[in-house]
Structure formats: C-alpha cells, structure tokens
Amino acid sequence: MKTYEMLYVLDAALTDEAKESFVSRLEAIVTDNGGKVVSTDKWGVKKLAYPINYKSDGYYVLMTFEAESAVVKELDRICGLSTEVLRRMITNK
C-alpha cells in the first residue's frame, strides 16, 4: 500500500454536523476498502484565492492515508459527484 495525501475544500456554508459527516464518510471509504487513515487535519475556514461557484470561503481538510490505487479512484469519484466539495487534490506522498 502507498501513502497518499488528499486535500479537499468543502463549502463553508455547510453546518458543522454536515462537515463532520462528510469527513467521516471519506474516512470510512478508506477503511472499508482495506486502507488506513493516518491523520485528518481540519484547517478550518479560509479565504479562497479566487471565487469558486460564487463562493469566497472554503473549509479545508487534509487527510493522509495508506491504501491501494482503487481507493484513490473511488475517493476522487465520490468527491466529483458531491456538491459539498469545491475542489480536491490527491497526491502520492
């Protein structure tokens, strides 16, 4: 298994419960598919460099995990379909 980092930006207008729920959902995807979440750093609400979908603030989360490449594809697919996610980036550490 390789180590990956996933930085994603959630809509800042979401409630705290919705943010926590989405973070837990992504962590569950990793663990359910045989991976391991090393850490999840919640950076909080920060100003975006440029507006995305007419929004100027975003809630940043950095998740470090160990998993197979199929898990990375699944995370990218789910984040692409979710309206909560403004941007995401997954890199090999």
N, C-alpha and C. Protein backbone atom coordinates (compact mmCIF):
# COMPACT_ATOMS: atom_id res chain seq x y z
N MET A 1 0.84 -1.18 0.00
CA MET A 1 0.00 0.00 0.00
C MET A 1 0.89 1.25 0.00
N LYS A 2 0.42 2.24 -0.72
CA LYS A 2 1.14 3.50 -0.79
C LYS A 2 0.49 4.52 0.13
N THR A 3 1.24 5.56 0.45
CA THR A 3 0.73 6.64 1.28
C THR A 3 0.31 7.80 0.39
N TYR A 4 -0.87 8.31 0.62
CA TYR A 4 -1.44 9.41 -0.16
C TYR A 4 -1.86 10.55 0.75
N GLU A 5 -1.90 11.74 0.18
CA GLU A 5 -2.47 12.90 0.85
C GLU A 5 -3.61 13.43 -0.01
N MET A 6 -4.71 13.72 0.64
CA MET A 6 -5.86 14.28 -0.07
C MET A 6 -6.23 15.59 0.61
N LEU A 7 -6.13 16.67 -0.16
CA LEU A 7 -6.56 17.98 0.32
C LEU A 7 -7.86 18.30 -0.40
N TYR A 8 -8.89 18.58 0.37
CA TYR A 8 -10.16 18.94 -0.25
C TYR A 8 -10.76 20.14 0.46
N VAL A 9 -11.56 20.89 -0.31
CA VAL A 9 -12.18 22.11 0.18
C VAL A 9 -13.69 21.91 0.14
N LEU A 10 -14.31 22.01 1.31
CA LEU A 10 -15.76 21.90 1.41
C LEU A 10 -16.39 23.28 1.41
N ASP A 11 -17.65 23.33 1.08
CA ASP A 11 -18.41 24.57 1.11
C ASP A 11 -18.47 25.07 2.56
N ALA A 12 -18.05 26.31 2.80
CA ALA A 12 -18.01 26.86 4.16
C ALA A 12 -19.41 27.08 4.72
N ALA A 13 -20.43 27.14 3.87
CA ALA A 13 -21.80 27.39 4.32
C ALA A 13 -22.44 26.15 4.94
N LEU A 14 -21.80 24.99 4.85
CA LEU A 14 -22.35 23.77 5.44
C LEU A 14 -22.35 23.88 6.96
N THR A 15 -23.28 23.18 7.60
CA THR A 15 -23.29 23.15 9.06
C THR A 15 -22.11 22.31 9.55
N ASP A 16 -21.76 22.48 10.82
CA ASP A 16 -20.65 21.71 11.39
C ASP A 16 -20.93 20.21 11.34
N GLU A 17 -22.19 19.83 11.56
CA GLU A 17 -22.55 18.41 11.52
C GLU A 17 -22.38 17.85 10.11
N ALA A 18 -22.73 18.63 9.10
CA ALA A 18 -22.59 18.18 7.71
C ALA A 18 -21.11 18.03 7.33
N LYS A 19 -20.29 18.96 7.80
CA LYS A 19 -18.85 18.87 7.52
C LYS A 19 -18.26 17.63 8.16
N GLU A 20 -18.59 17.40 9.45
CA GLU A 20 -18.07 16.22 10.16
C GLU A 20 -18.56 14.93 9.51
N SER A 21 -19.81 14.94 9.07
CA SER A 21 -20.38 13.76 8.43
C SER A 21 -19.65 13.43 7.13
N PHE A 22 -19.33 14.47 6.35
CA PHE A 22 -18.65 14.22 5.08
C PHE A 22 -17.21 13.74 5.31
N VAL A 23 -16.53 14.34 6.29
CA VAL A 23 -15.17 13.91 6.62
C VAL A 23 -15.19 12.45 7.06
N SER A 24 -16.14 12.08 7.90
CA SER A 24 -16.26 10.69 8.37
C SER A 24 -16.58 9.75 7.22
N ARG A 25 -17.39 10.22 6.28
CA ARG A 25 -17.75 9.39 5.12
C ARG A 25 -16.53 9.06 4.28
N LEU A 26 -15.65 10.04 4.06
CA LEU A 26 -14.45 9.79 3.28
C LEU A 26 -13.48 8.88 4.02
N GLU A 27 -13.38 9.06 5.33
CA GLU A 27 -12.52 8.17 6.13
C GLU A 27 -13.05 6.74 6.10
N ALA A 28 -14.37 6.59 6.12
CA ALA A 28 -14.98 5.26 6.08
C ALA A 28 -14.71 4.57 4.75
N ILE A 29 -14.67 5.32 3.67
CA ILE A 29 -14.38 4.74 2.36
C ILE A 29 -12.99 4.12 2.37
N VAL A 30 -12.04 4.83 2.96
CA VAL A 30 -10.67 4.32 3.03
C VAL A 30 -10.60 3.06 3.88
N THR A 31 -11.18 3.10 5.07
CA THR A 31 -11.07 1.96 5.97
C THR A 31 -11.89 0.75 5.50
N ASP A 32 -13.03 0.99 4.87
CA ASP A 32 -13.86 -0.12 4.39
C ASP A 32 -13.21 -0.87 3.24
N ASN A 33 -12.32 -0.21 2.52
CA ASN A 33 -11.64 -0.85 1.40
C ASN A 33 -10.24 -1.33 1.75
N GLY A 34 -9.98 -1.54 3.02
CA GLY A 34 -8.71 -2.12 3.44
C GLY A 34 -7.59 -1.13 3.65
N GLY A 35 -7.87 0.15 3.63
CA GLY A 35 -6.85 1.15 3.85
C GLY A 35 -6.78 1.59 5.30
N LYS A 36 -5.89 2.54 5.57
CA LYS A 36 -5.71 3.03 6.92
C LYS A 36 -5.56 4.54 6.88
N VAL A 37 -6.38 5.24 7.66
CA VAL A 37 -6.28 6.70 7.75
C VAL A 37 -5.19 7.02 8.77
N VAL A 38 -4.13 7.69 8.31
CA VAL A 38 -3.02 8.04 9.20
C VAL A 38 -3.37 9.28 10.02
N SER A 39 -3.88 10.32 9.35
CA SER A 39 -4.27 11.54 10.07
C SER A 39 -5.28 12.32 9.25
N THR A 40 -6.06 13.13 9.95
CA THR A 40 -7.01 14.04 9.32
C THR A 40 -6.85 15.40 9.99
N ASP A 41 -6.33 16.37 9.26
CA ASP A 41 -6.12 17.71 9.78
C ASP A 41 -7.19 18.63 9.22
N LYS A 42 -7.98 19.18 10.11
CA LYS A 42 -9.03 20.12 9.70
C LYS A 42 -8.47 21.53 9.86
N TRP A 43 -8.20 22.19 8.74
CA TRP A 43 -7.60 23.52 8.76
C TRP A 43 -8.61 24.60 9.03
N GLY A 44 -9.88 24.31 8.85
CA GLY A 44 -10.92 25.29 9.11
C GLY A 44 -11.26 26.14 7.89
N VAL A 45 -12.03 27.19 8.14
CA VAL A 45 -12.49 28.06 7.05
C VAL A 45 -11.40 29.06 6.70
N LYS A 46 -11.08 29.12 5.42
CA LYS A 46 -10.08 30.07 4.91
C LYS A 46 -10.63 30.71 3.65
N LYS A 47 -10.09 31.87 3.34
CA LYS A 47 -10.48 32.59 2.13
C LYS A 47 -9.86 31.90 0.92
N LEU A 48 -10.64 31.71 -0.11
CA LEU A 48 -10.15 31.09 -1.34
C LEU A 48 -9.33 32.10 -2.14
N ALA A 49 -8.42 31.62 -2.95
CA ALA A 49 -7.60 32.51 -3.77
C ALA A 49 -8.44 33.19 -4.85
N TYR A 50 -9.47 32.51 -5.30
CA TYR A 50 -10.39 33.05 -6.30
C TYR A 50 -11.76 32.42 -6.05
N PRO A 51 -12.83 33.09 -6.44
CA PRO A 51 -14.17 32.53 -6.18
C PRO A 51 -14.40 31.23 -6.96
N ILE A 52 -15.02 30.27 -6.28
CA ILE A 52 -15.41 29.00 -6.88
C ILE A 52 -16.91 28.88 -6.69
N ASN A 53 -17.65 28.79 -7.77
CA ASN A 53 -19.11 28.72 -7.72
C ASN A 53 -19.70 29.88 -6.90
N TYR A 54 -19.13 31.06 -7.10
CA TYR A 54 -19.57 32.29 -6.43
C TYR A 54 -19.37 32.25 -4.92
N LYS A 55 -18.46 31.40 -4.44
CA LYS A 55 -18.16 31.32 -3.02
C LYS A 55 -16.73 31.80 -2.80
N SER A 56 -16.52 32.56 -1.74
CA SER A 56 -15.19 33.11 -1.50
C SER A 56 -14.48 32.45 -0.31
N ASP A 57 -15.18 31.61 0.47
CA ASP A 57 -14.59 30.92 1.61
C ASP A 57 -14.77 29.42 1.46
N GLY A 58 -13.83 28.66 2.01
CA GLY A 58 -13.91 27.21 1.96
C GLY A 58 -13.36 26.59 3.23
N TYR A 59 -13.83 25.39 3.56
CA TYR A 59 -13.39 24.64 4.73
C TYR A 59 -12.38 23.60 4.26
N TYR A 60 -11.11 23.78 4.64
CA TYR A 60 -10.02 22.94 4.17
C TYR A 60 -9.80 21.74 5.08
N VAL A 61 -9.58 20.57 4.48
CA VAL A 61 -9.28 19.34 5.22
C VAL A 61 -8.15 18.61 4.50
N LEU A 62 -7.14 18.18 5.26
CA LEU A 62 -6.03 17.39 4.72
C LEU A 62 -6.08 16.02 5.37
N MET A 63 -6.24 14.99 4.54
CA MET A 63 -6.31 13.62 5.04
C MET A 63 -5.12 12.84 4.48
N THR A 64 -4.36 12.21 5.36
CA THR A 64 -3.25 11.35 4.97
C THR A 64 -3.68 9.91 5.21
N PHE A 65 -3.49 9.07 4.20
CA PHE A 65 -3.96 7.69 4.33
C PHE A 65 -3.09 6.75 3.53
N GLU A 66 -3.16 5.47 3.88
CA GLU A 66 -2.47 4.39 3.16
C GLU A 66 -3.53 3.52 2.53
N ALA A 67 -3.41 3.30 1.22
CA ALA A 67 -4.42 2.50 0.53
C ALA A 67 -3.90 2.08 -0.84
N GLU A 68 -4.71 1.25 -1.50
CA GLU A 68 -4.44 0.83 -2.87
C GLU A 68 -4.94 1.91 -3.84
N SER A 69 -4.55 1.81 -5.08
CA SER A 69 -4.93 2.84 -6.07
C SER A 69 -6.43 2.83 -6.36
N ALA A 70 -7.09 1.71 -6.17
CA ALA A 70 -8.54 1.66 -6.41
C ALA A 70 -9.29 2.55 -5.43
N VAL A 71 -8.78 2.68 -4.22
CA VAL A 71 -9.41 3.53 -3.21
C VAL A 71 -9.28 5.00 -3.63
N VAL A 72 -8.14 5.35 -4.19
CA VAL A 72 -7.92 6.72 -4.65
C VAL A 72 -8.91 7.07 -5.76
N LYS A 73 -9.13 6.16 -6.66
CA LYS A 73 -10.11 6.40 -7.74
C LYS A 73 -11.52 6.55 -7.19
N GLU A 74 -11.86 5.74 -6.19
CA GLU A 74 -13.18 5.82 -5.58
C GLU A 74 -13.38 7.15 -4.85
N LEU A 75 -12.35 7.59 -4.10
CA LEU A 75 -12.44 8.89 -3.41
C LEU A 75 -12.61 10.03 -4.41
N ASP A 76 -11.85 9.98 -5.48
CA ASP A 76 -11.95 11.03 -6.50
C ASP A 76 -13.32 11.03 -7.15
N ARG A 77 -13.87 9.85 -7.39
CA ARG A 77 -15.20 9.74 -8.00
C ARG A 77 -16.27 10.31 -7.07
N ILE A 78 -16.21 9.94 -5.80
CA ILE A 78 -17.23 10.40 -4.85
C ILE A 78 -17.14 11.92 -4.67
N CYS A 79 -15.94 12.45 -4.58
CA CYS A 79 -15.80 13.90 -4.41
C CYS A 79 -16.25 14.65 -5.66
N GLY A 80 -16.06 14.05 -6.82
CA GLY A 80 -16.52 14.69 -8.05
C GLY A 80 -18.03 14.76 -8.15
N LEU A 81 -18.72 13.80 -7.55
CA LEU A 81 -20.18 13.78 -7.59
C LEU A 81 -20.82 14.59 -6.47
N SER A 82 -20.06 14.88 -5.42
CA SER A 82 -20.62 15.56 -4.25
C SER A 82 -20.69 17.06 -4.47
N THR A 83 -21.80 17.64 -4.09
CA THR A 83 -21.95 19.09 -4.21
C THR A 83 -21.25 19.82 -3.06
N GLU A 84 -20.91 19.10 -1.98
CA GLU A 84 -20.24 19.72 -0.84
C GLU A 84 -18.80 20.11 -1.15
N VAL A 85 -18.16 19.38 -2.07
CA VAL A 85 -16.74 19.57 -2.36
C VAL A 85 -16.57 20.62 -3.47
N LEU A 86 -15.80 21.65 -3.15
CA LEU A 86 -15.49 22.67 -4.15
C LEU A 86 -14.29 22.26 -4.99
N ARG A 87 -13.23 21.79 -4.34
CA ARG A 87 -12.01 21.32 -5.03
C ARG A 87 -11.42 20.17 -4.24
N ARG A 88 -10.65 19.31 -4.93
CA ARG A 88 -9.94 18.23 -4.27
C ARG A 88 -8.67 17.93 -5.04
N MET A 89 -7.68 17.41 -4.30
CA MET A 89 -6.41 17.03 -4.91
C MET A 89 -5.84 15.87 -4.12
N ILE A 90 -5.50 14.79 -4.82
CA ILE A 90 -4.93 13.61 -4.18
C ILE A 90 -3.53 13.43 -4.75
N THR A 91 -2.54 13.34 -3.85
CA THR A 91 -1.16 13.19 -4.30
C THR A 91 -0.53 11.99 -3.60
N ASN A 92 0.44 11.40 -4.26
CA ASN A 92 1.21 10.31 -3.68
C ASN A 92 2.30 10.94 -2.82
N LYS A 93 2.38 10.52 -1.56
CA LYS A 93 3.34 11.14 -0.64
C LYS A 93 4.71 10.53 -0.78
